Amino acid sequence: MQIIRIIFAAIARFLISLVFLAGALNKILHWHETERNLHSVLCEWQSNLGFSDNAYDCFAFLIPITPVLLLVGLLMELFGSLSILLGFKEKLGAWLLVLFLIPTTIIMHQFWFVDGAMREQQLAHFLKNMAILGGLIVVLLQGIEQKSKSAFPKF
């Protein structure tokens, strides 16, 4: 029974980390495209929230620092996912991913601003991220069970 727990803990670590590792790799390999996309989304937010001076000013501040935001997001995604994958300070890694996931989900998957098929697609991404957030909260509350030494030690 113990070996089954170890195997499933390793699988759980891999599965939770996979989406973030893939996202980080995609950002690295397609940096300029990702930066343009983030810049565009921030501009859309600014135009959609133009009725609020505070929101407009907030996005006016964020738009010029898009590369910095992208770099911070990449580092949070990379270190958080590697931390969980390797079982090294997994709760800190989960916090990094939660802090990355919440603003990313709200900013990038704004289904409330779009209609039709795009709304359904953005809603699906939004809900997927909420499910991942739930898994990260479980890691924060309980960790990924590990009763003995394995290839993924708990430090």
N, C-alpha and C. Protein backbone atom coordinates (compact mmCIF):
# COMPACT_ATOMS: atom_id res chain seq x y z
N MET A 1 0.82 -1.20 0.00
CA MET A 1 0.00 0.00 0.00
C MET A 1 0.86 1.25 0.00
N GLN A 2 1.99 1.19 0.70
CA GLN A 2 2.89 2.34 0.80
C GLN A 2 3.44 2.73 -0.58
N ILE A 3 3.80 1.76 -1.37
CA ILE A 3 4.35 2.05 -2.70
C ILE A 3 3.30 2.72 -3.59
N ILE A 4 2.04 2.33 -3.42
CA ILE A 4 0.96 2.95 -4.19
C ILE A 4 0.82 4.42 -3.81
N ARG A 5 0.92 4.73 -2.53
CA ARG A 5 0.86 6.14 -2.08
C ARG A 5 2.01 6.95 -2.68
N ILE A 6 3.19 6.36 -2.69
CA ILE A 6 4.36 7.06 -3.24
C ILE A 6 4.17 7.31 -4.73
N ILE A 7 3.69 6.32 -5.44
CA ILE A 7 3.47 6.46 -6.88
C ILE A 7 2.42 7.52 -7.17
N PHE A 8 1.31 7.47 -6.44
CA PHE A 8 0.27 8.46 -6.67
C PHE A 8 0.69 9.87 -6.25
N ALA A 9 1.52 9.98 -5.21
CA ALA A 9 2.04 11.30 -4.82
C ALA A 9 2.91 11.86 -5.94
N ALA A 10 3.73 11.01 -6.55
CA ALA A 10 4.58 11.45 -7.66
C ALA A 10 3.72 11.87 -8.85
N ILE A 11 2.70 11.10 -9.15
CA ILE A 11 1.80 11.44 -10.26
C ILE A 11 1.08 12.75 -9.97
N ALA A 12 0.61 12.92 -8.73
CA ALA A 12 -0.09 14.16 -8.36
C ALA A 12 0.83 15.37 -8.51
N ARG A 13 2.06 15.25 -8.05
CA ARG A 13 3.02 16.34 -8.18
C ARG A 13 3.24 16.69 -9.65
N PHE A 14 3.40 15.66 -10.46
CA PHE A 14 3.62 15.87 -11.89
C PHE A 14 2.42 16.55 -12.54
N LEU A 15 1.23 16.06 -12.25
CA LEU A 15 0.02 16.60 -12.89
C LEU A 15 -0.26 18.04 -12.48
N ILE A 16 -0.07 18.37 -11.19
CA ILE A 16 -0.30 19.74 -10.75
C ILE A 16 0.73 20.67 -11.39
N SER A 17 1.96 20.21 -11.50
CA SER A 17 3.03 21.04 -12.03
C SER A 17 2.99 21.18 -13.55
N LEU A 18 2.46 20.18 -14.23
CA LEU A 18 2.55 20.11 -15.69
C LEU A 18 2.01 21.35 -16.39
N VAL A 19 0.82 21.79 -16.03
CA VAL A 19 0.21 22.92 -16.73
C VAL A 19 1.04 24.19 -16.55
N PHE A 20 1.63 24.36 -15.37
CA PHE A 20 2.43 25.56 -15.11
C PHE A 20 3.80 25.47 -15.77
N LEU A 21 4.40 24.29 -15.76
CA LEU A 21 5.68 24.12 -16.45
C LEU A 21 5.52 24.34 -17.96
N ALA A 22 4.43 23.81 -18.52
CA ALA A 22 4.17 24.02 -19.95
C ALA A 22 3.94 25.50 -20.23
N GLY A 23 3.20 26.18 -19.36
CA GLY A 23 2.96 27.60 -19.53
C GLY A 23 4.25 28.41 -19.47
N ALA A 24 5.11 28.07 -18.51
CA ALA A 24 6.39 28.77 -18.38
C ALA A 24 7.26 28.54 -19.62
N LEU A 25 7.31 27.31 -20.08
CA LEU A 25 8.10 27.00 -21.28
C LEU A 25 7.56 27.75 -22.49
N ASN A 26 6.24 27.80 -22.62
CA ASN A 26 5.62 28.53 -23.72
C ASN A 26 5.99 30.02 -23.67
N LYS A 27 5.98 30.59 -22.46
CA LYS A 27 6.35 32.01 -22.32
C LYS A 27 7.80 32.24 -22.74
N ILE A 28 8.68 31.32 -22.36
CA ILE A 28 10.09 31.45 -22.71
C ILE A 28 10.28 31.33 -24.23
N LEU A 29 9.65 30.34 -24.83
CA LEU A 29 9.83 30.09 -26.27
C LEU A 29 9.13 31.11 -27.16
N HIS A 30 8.06 31.72 -26.65
CA HIS A 30 7.28 32.68 -27.44
C HIS A 30 7.14 34.00 -26.69
N TRP A 31 8.24 34.49 -26.17
CA TRP A 31 8.24 35.66 -25.30
C TRP A 31 7.54 36.85 -25.94
N HIS A 32 7.96 37.22 -27.14
CA HIS A 32 7.43 38.44 -27.78
C HIS A 32 5.94 38.33 -28.08
N GLU A 33 5.52 37.17 -28.53
CA GLU A 33 4.10 36.96 -28.81
C GLU A 33 3.28 37.03 -27.51
N THR A 34 3.79 36.42 -26.45
CA THR A 34 3.10 36.45 -25.16
C THR A 34 3.05 37.88 -24.61
N GLU A 35 4.14 38.62 -24.78
CA GLU A 35 4.18 40.00 -24.33
C GLU A 35 3.16 40.86 -25.08
N ARG A 36 3.09 40.66 -26.40
CA ARG A 36 2.10 41.41 -27.20
C ARG A 36 0.68 41.06 -26.77
N ASN A 37 0.44 39.78 -26.51
CA ASN A 37 -0.89 39.35 -26.09
C ASN A 37 -1.27 39.97 -24.75
N LEU A 38 -0.35 39.95 -23.78
CA LEU A 38 -0.63 40.54 -22.48
C LEU A 38 -0.85 42.05 -22.62
N HIS A 39 -0.04 42.70 -23.42
CA HIS A 39 -0.20 44.14 -23.65
C HIS A 39 -1.58 44.43 -24.23
N SER A 40 -2.00 43.64 -25.20
CA SER A 40 -3.31 43.81 -25.83
C SER A 40 -4.44 43.61 -24.82
N VAL A 41 -4.34 42.58 -23.99
CA VAL A 41 -5.38 42.31 -23.00
C VAL A 41 -5.45 43.45 -21.98
N LEU A 42 -4.31 43.95 -21.54
CA LEU A 42 -4.32 45.07 -20.60
C LEU A 42 -4.95 46.31 -21.22
N CYS A 43 -4.68 46.54 -22.52
CA CYS A 43 -5.30 47.67 -23.22
C CYS A 43 -6.82 47.48 -23.31
N GLU A 44 -7.26 46.25 -23.57
CA GLU A 44 -8.70 45.96 -23.61
C GLU A 44 -9.35 46.24 -22.25
N TRP A 45 -8.69 45.82 -21.19
CA TRP A 45 -9.21 46.10 -19.85
C TRP A 45 -9.32 47.60 -19.63
N GLN A 46 -8.29 48.33 -20.05
CA GLN A 46 -8.31 49.78 -19.86
C GLN A 46 -9.48 50.41 -20.60
N SER A 47 -9.72 49.95 -21.82
CA SER A 47 -10.83 50.52 -22.59
C SER A 47 -12.19 50.09 -22.03
N ASN A 48 -12.29 48.87 -21.54
CA ASN A 48 -13.56 48.40 -20.97
C ASN A 48 -13.89 49.05 -19.63
N LEU A 49 -12.85 49.48 -18.91
CA LEU A 49 -13.06 50.10 -17.61
C LEU A 49 -12.80 51.60 -17.65
N GLY A 50 -12.91 52.18 -18.84
CA GLY A 50 -12.65 53.60 -19.02
C GLY A 50 -13.57 54.50 -18.22
N PHE A 51 -14.70 53.99 -17.80
CA PHE A 51 -15.65 54.79 -17.02
C PHE A 51 -15.12 55.07 -15.61
N SER A 52 -14.14 54.31 -15.17
CA SER A 52 -13.56 54.49 -13.84
C SER A 52 -12.16 55.08 -13.96
N ASP A 53 -11.99 56.27 -13.42
CA ASP A 53 -10.67 56.91 -13.50
C ASP A 53 -9.60 56.09 -12.79
N ASN A 54 -9.94 55.50 -11.66
CA ASN A 54 -8.96 54.70 -10.91
C ASN A 54 -8.52 53.47 -11.70
N ALA A 55 -9.48 52.76 -12.28
CA ALA A 55 -9.15 51.57 -13.07
C ALA A 55 -8.35 51.97 -14.31
N TYR A 56 -8.76 53.05 -14.96
CA TYR A 56 -8.05 53.53 -16.15
C TYR A 56 -6.59 53.85 -15.79
N ASP A 57 -6.40 54.54 -14.67
CA ASP A 57 -5.05 54.91 -14.24
C ASP A 57 -4.23 53.67 -13.86
N CYS A 58 -4.87 52.70 -13.25
CA CYS A 58 -4.18 51.46 -12.88
C CYS A 58 -3.64 50.76 -14.12
N PHE A 59 -4.47 50.61 -15.13
CA PHE A 59 -4.02 49.95 -16.35
C PHE A 59 -3.05 50.82 -17.13
N ALA A 60 -3.18 52.14 -17.03
CA ALA A 60 -2.21 53.04 -17.66
C ALA A 60 -0.83 52.83 -17.03
N PHE A 61 -0.79 52.48 -15.74
CA PHE A 61 0.47 52.18 -15.07
C PHE A 61 1.00 50.81 -15.49
N LEU A 62 0.11 49.81 -15.61
CA LEU A 62 0.53 48.44 -15.90
C LEU A 62 0.99 48.23 -17.34
N ILE A 63 0.37 48.90 -18.29
CA ILE A 63 0.66 48.66 -19.70
C ILE A 63 2.14 48.86 -20.03
N PRO A 64 2.79 49.95 -19.61
CA PRO A 64 4.20 50.11 -19.96
C PRO A 64 5.15 49.10 -19.30
N ILE A 65 4.72 48.47 -18.21
CA ILE A 65 5.59 47.51 -17.54
C ILE A 65 5.20 46.07 -17.87
N THR A 66 4.56 45.87 -19.01
CA THR A 66 4.16 44.52 -19.43
C THR A 66 5.31 43.52 -19.38
N PRO A 67 6.52 43.85 -19.87
CA PRO A 67 7.60 42.85 -19.79
C PRO A 67 7.96 42.46 -18.35
N VAL A 68 7.88 43.41 -17.44
CA VAL A 68 8.17 43.11 -16.03
C VAL A 68 7.09 42.19 -15.46
N LEU A 69 5.83 42.50 -15.76
CA LEU A 69 4.73 41.65 -15.29
C LEU A 69 4.89 40.23 -15.83
N LEU A 70 5.26 40.13 -17.09
CA LEU A 70 5.44 38.82 -17.71
C LEU A 70 6.59 38.07 -17.06
N LEU A 71 7.68 38.75 -16.79
CA LEU A 71 8.83 38.11 -16.14
C LEU A 71 8.48 37.63 -14.73
N VAL A 72 7.80 38.46 -13.96
CA VAL A 72 7.39 38.08 -12.61
C VAL A 72 6.46 36.87 -12.67
N GLY A 73 5.50 36.89 -13.59
CA GLY A 73 4.59 35.75 -13.76
C GLY A 73 5.34 34.49 -14.14
N LEU A 74 6.28 34.61 -15.05
CA LEU A 74 7.08 33.46 -15.48
C LEU A 74 7.85 32.88 -14.31
N LEU A 75 8.49 33.72 -13.51
CA LEU A 75 9.27 33.22 -12.38
C LEU A 75 8.38 32.56 -11.32
N MET A 76 7.23 33.15 -11.06
CA MET A 76 6.29 32.54 -10.10
C MET A 76 5.83 31.18 -10.61
N GLU A 77 5.50 31.12 -11.88
CA GLU A 77 5.02 29.88 -12.49
C GLU A 77 6.11 28.81 -12.47
N LEU A 78 7.31 29.20 -12.83
CA LEU A 78 8.42 28.26 -12.91
C LEU A 78 8.83 27.75 -11.53
N PHE A 79 9.09 28.65 -10.59
CA PHE A 79 9.54 28.23 -9.27
C PHE A 79 8.43 27.52 -8.49
N GLY A 80 7.20 28.00 -8.64
CA GLY A 80 6.09 27.34 -7.96
C GLY A 80 5.88 25.92 -8.44
N SER A 81 5.90 25.73 -9.75
CA SER A 81 5.66 24.38 -10.28
C SER A 81 6.83 23.45 -9.98
N LEU A 82 8.06 23.93 -10.07
CA LEU A 82 9.20 23.08 -9.74
C LEU A 82 9.21 22.71 -8.26
N SER A 83 8.80 23.64 -7.42
CA SER A 83 8.73 23.37 -5.99
C SER A 83 7.75 22.24 -5.68
N ILE A 84 6.59 22.29 -6.31
CA ILE A 84 5.60 21.23 -6.10
C ILE A 84 6.08 19.93 -6.72
N LEU A 85 6.62 19.98 -7.92
CA LEU A 85 7.08 18.78 -8.60
C LEU A 85 8.14 18.05 -7.77
N LEU A 86 9.08 18.81 -7.22
CA LEU A 86 10.18 18.20 -6.48
C LEU A 86 9.87 17.98 -5.01
N GLY A 87 8.75 18.52 -4.53
CA GLY A 87 8.39 18.36 -3.12
C GLY A 87 9.25 19.19 -2.21
N PHE A 88 9.89 20.22 -2.73
CA PHE A 88 10.74 21.11 -1.95
C PHE A 88 9.95 22.38 -1.66
N LYS A 89 9.59 22.57 -0.40
CA LYS A 89 8.80 23.73 0.02
C LYS A 89 7.54 23.86 -0.84
N GLU A 90 6.81 22.74 -0.92
CA GLU A 90 5.64 22.67 -1.80
C GLU A 90 4.56 23.68 -1.44
N LYS A 91 4.43 24.02 -0.17
CA LYS A 91 3.40 24.99 0.21
C LYS A 91 3.78 26.39 -0.27
N LEU A 92 5.04 26.73 -0.22
CA LEU A 92 5.50 28.00 -0.78
C LEU A 92 5.25 28.01 -2.30
N GLY A 93 5.54 26.89 -2.94
CA GLY A 93 5.28 26.77 -4.37
C GLY A 93 3.81 26.91 -4.70
N ALA A 94 2.97 26.31 -3.86
CA ALA A 94 1.53 26.43 -4.08
C ALA A 94 1.08 27.88 -3.91
N TRP A 95 1.64 28.58 -2.92
CA TRP A 95 1.30 30.00 -2.73
C TRP A 95 1.72 30.82 -3.96
N LEU A 96 2.91 30.56 -4.48
CA LEU A 96 3.36 31.27 -5.68
C LEU A 96 2.39 31.05 -6.83
N LEU A 97 1.94 29.82 -6.99
CA LEU A 97 1.02 29.51 -8.09
C LEU A 97 -0.36 30.11 -7.86
N VAL A 98 -0.82 30.14 -6.62
CA VAL A 98 -2.11 30.78 -6.32
C VAL A 98 -2.02 32.26 -6.63
N LEU A 99 -0.95 32.89 -6.17
CA LEU A 99 -0.78 34.33 -6.41
C LEU A 99 -0.59 34.66 -7.89
N PHE A 100 -0.08 33.70 -8.65
CA PHE A 100 0.02 33.85 -10.10
C PHE A 100 -1.34 33.62 -10.76
N LEU A 101 -2.03 32.58 -10.32
CA LEU A 101 -3.25 32.12 -11.00
C LEU A 101 -4.43 33.07 -10.85
N ILE A 102 -4.60 33.67 -9.68
CA ILE A 102 -5.77 34.52 -9.47
C ILE A 102 -5.79 35.73 -10.41
N PRO A 103 -4.75 36.57 -10.43
CA PRO A 103 -4.81 37.71 -11.36
C PRO A 103 -4.76 37.28 -12.83
N THR A 104 -4.01 36.22 -13.11
CA THR A 104 -3.94 35.74 -14.49
C THR A 104 -5.32 35.31 -14.98
N THR A 105 -6.04 34.59 -14.15
CA THR A 105 -7.37 34.12 -14.53
C THR A 105 -8.32 35.29 -14.76
N ILE A 106 -8.31 36.23 -13.84
CA ILE A 106 -9.22 37.37 -13.97
C ILE A 106 -8.87 38.24 -15.18
N ILE A 107 -7.59 38.49 -15.37
CA ILE A 107 -7.18 39.39 -16.46
C ILE A 107 -7.28 38.71 -17.82
N MET A 108 -6.85 37.47 -17.92
CA MET A 108 -6.75 36.82 -19.24
C MET A 108 -8.04 36.13 -19.69
N HIS A 109 -8.91 35.78 -18.78
CA HIS A 109 -10.11 35.02 -19.16
C HIS A 109 -11.38 35.77 -18.77
N GLN A 110 -11.50 37.00 -19.23
CA GLN A 110 -12.61 37.89 -18.88
C GLN A 110 -13.83 37.58 -19.76
N PHE A 111 -14.49 36.47 -19.45
CA PHE A 111 -15.65 36.04 -20.23
C PHE A 111 -16.79 37.04 -20.18
N TRP A 112 -16.81 37.89 -19.17
CA TRP A 112 -17.90 38.87 -19.00
C TRP A 112 -17.81 40.02 -20.00
N PHE A 113 -16.70 40.16 -20.72
CA PHE A 113 -16.55 41.24 -21.70
C PHE A 113 -16.86 40.79 -23.13
N VAL A 114 -17.03 39.48 -23.35
CA VAL A 114 -17.18 38.97 -24.72
C VAL A 114 -18.50 38.22 -24.88
N ASP A 115 -18.86 37.94 -26.13
CA ASP A 115 -20.11 37.24 -26.44
C ASP A 115 -19.83 36.02 -27.30
N GLY A 116 -20.86 35.19 -27.46
CA GLY A 116 -20.84 34.06 -28.38
C GLY A 116 -19.86 32.98 -27.99
N ALA A 117 -19.23 32.41 -29.03
CA ALA A 117 -18.30 31.29 -28.83
C ALA A 117 -17.10 31.71 -27.99
N MET A 118 -16.67 32.94 -28.15
CA MET A 118 -15.53 33.43 -27.38
C MET A 118 -15.87 33.45 -25.88
N ARG A 119 -17.10 33.79 -25.57
CA ARG A 119 -17.53 33.80 -24.16
C ARG A 119 -17.46 32.40 -23.58
N GLU A 120 -17.96 31.41 -24.33
CA GLU A 120 -17.93 30.03 -23.87
C GLU A 120 -16.49 29.54 -23.68
N GLN A 121 -15.62 29.89 -24.62
CA GLN A 121 -14.22 29.48 -24.54
C GLN A 121 -13.54 30.11 -23.31
N GLN A 122 -13.74 31.40 -23.11
CA GLN A 122 -13.13 32.08 -21.97
C GLN A 122 -13.70 31.57 -20.64
N LEU A 123 -15.00 31.28 -20.62
CA LEU A 123 -15.61 30.73 -19.42
C LEU A 123 -15.02 29.36 -19.10
N ALA A 124 -14.81 28.53 -20.11
CA ALA A 124 -14.20 27.21 -19.90
C ALA A 124 -12.80 27.34 -19.32
N HIS A 125 -12.00 28.27 -19.85
CA HIS A 125 -10.65 28.50 -19.32
C HIS A 125 -10.71 29.03 -17.89
N PHE A 126 -11.64 29.94 -17.64
CA PHE A 126 -11.82 30.51 -16.31
C PHE A 126 -12.15 29.39 -15.30
N LEU A 127 -13.10 28.54 -15.65
CA LEU A 127 -13.51 27.46 -14.74
C LEU A 127 -12.41 26.42 -14.57
N LYS A 128 -11.66 26.15 -15.62
CA LYS A 128 -10.52 25.23 -15.52
C LYS A 128 -9.51 25.77 -14.51
N ASN A 129 -9.24 27.06 -14.60
CA ASN A 129 -8.30 27.67 -13.66
C ASN A 129 -8.84 27.64 -12.23
N MET A 130 -10.16 27.77 -12.07
CA MET A 130 -10.75 27.68 -10.74
C MET A 130 -10.57 26.27 -10.17
N ALA A 131 -10.68 25.26 -11.02
CA ALA A 131 -10.47 23.87 -10.58
C ALA A 131 -9.01 23.67 -10.16
N ILE A 132 -8.08 24.20 -10.93
CA ILE A 132 -6.66 24.11 -10.58
C ILE A 132 -6.41 24.85 -9.27
N LEU A 133 -7.03 26.00 -9.11
CA LEU A 133 -6.92 26.75 -7.86
C LEU A 133 -7.39 25.91 -6.68
N GLY A 134 -8.47 25.17 -6.86
CA GLY A 134 -8.94 24.27 -5.81
C GLY A 134 -7.90 23.22 -5.45
N GLY A 135 -7.24 22.66 -6.45
CA GLY A 135 -6.17 21.68 -6.18
C GLY A 135 -5.01 22.31 -5.44
N LEU A 136 -4.66 23.54 -5.79
CA LEU A 136 -3.57 24.22 -5.09
C LEU A 136 -3.94 24.52 -3.64
N ILE A 137 -5.21 24.83 -3.41
CA ILE A 137 -5.66 25.08 -2.03
C ILE A 137 -5.55 23.79 -1.20
N VAL A 138 -5.84 22.65 -1.82
CA VAL A 138 -5.67 21.37 -1.12
C VAL A 138 -4.20 21.17 -0.76
N VAL A 139 -3.30 21.49 -1.68
CA VAL A 139 -1.87 21.38 -1.39
C VAL A 139 -1.51 22.31 -0.22
N LEU A 140 -2.05 23.52 -0.22
CA LEU A 140 -1.78 24.46 0.88
C LEU A 140 -2.29 23.93 2.21
N LEU A 141 -3.45 23.31 2.21
CA LEU A 141 -4.05 22.84 3.45
C LEU A 141 -3.43 21.54 3.96
N GLN A 142 -3.09 20.63 3.03
CA GLN A 142 -2.67 19.30 3.44
C GLN A 142 -1.31 18.89 2.89
N GLY A 143 -0.86 19.51 1.85
CA GLY A 143 0.33 19.03 1.18
C GLY A 143 0.00 17.80 0.35
N ILE A 144 1.00 17.27 -0.29
CA ILE A 144 0.82 16.02 -1.04
C ILE A 144 1.42 14.93 -0.17
N GLU A 145 0.58 14.01 0.24
CA GLU A 145 0.96 12.99 1.22
C GLU A 145 2.20 12.25 0.78
N GLN A 146 3.11 12.09 1.74
CA GLN A 146 4.34 11.36 1.49
C GLN A 146 4.80 10.77 2.81
N LYS A 147 4.72 9.46 2.95
CA LYS A 147 5.02 8.80 4.22
C LYS A 147 6.45 8.26 4.29
N SER A 148 7.09 8.10 3.14
CA SER A 148 8.45 7.56 3.17
C SER A 148 9.29 8.23 2.10
N LYS A 149 10.57 7.89 2.10
CA LYS A 149 11.48 8.47 1.13
C LYS A 149 11.16 7.90 -0.25
N SER A 150 11.26 8.77 -1.24
CA SER A 150 11.01 8.34 -2.62
C SER A 150 11.85 9.20 -3.54
N ALA A 151 11.58 9.10 -4.82
CA ALA A 151 12.28 9.93 -5.80
C ALA A 151 11.90 11.38 -5.65
N PHE A 152 10.81 11.66 -4.96
CA PHE A 152 10.36 13.03 -4.75
C PHE A 152 10.34 13.29 -3.24
N PRO A 153 11.51 13.51 -2.63
CA PRO A 153 11.53 13.67 -1.18
C PRO A 153 10.83 14.93 -0.71
N LYS A 154 10.34 14.88 0.50
CA LYS A 154 9.71 16.06 1.12
C LYS A 154 10.74 16.66 2.06
N PHE A 155 11.06 17.93 1.83
CA PHE A 155 12.09 18.60 2.64
C PHE A 155 11.46 19.39 3.75
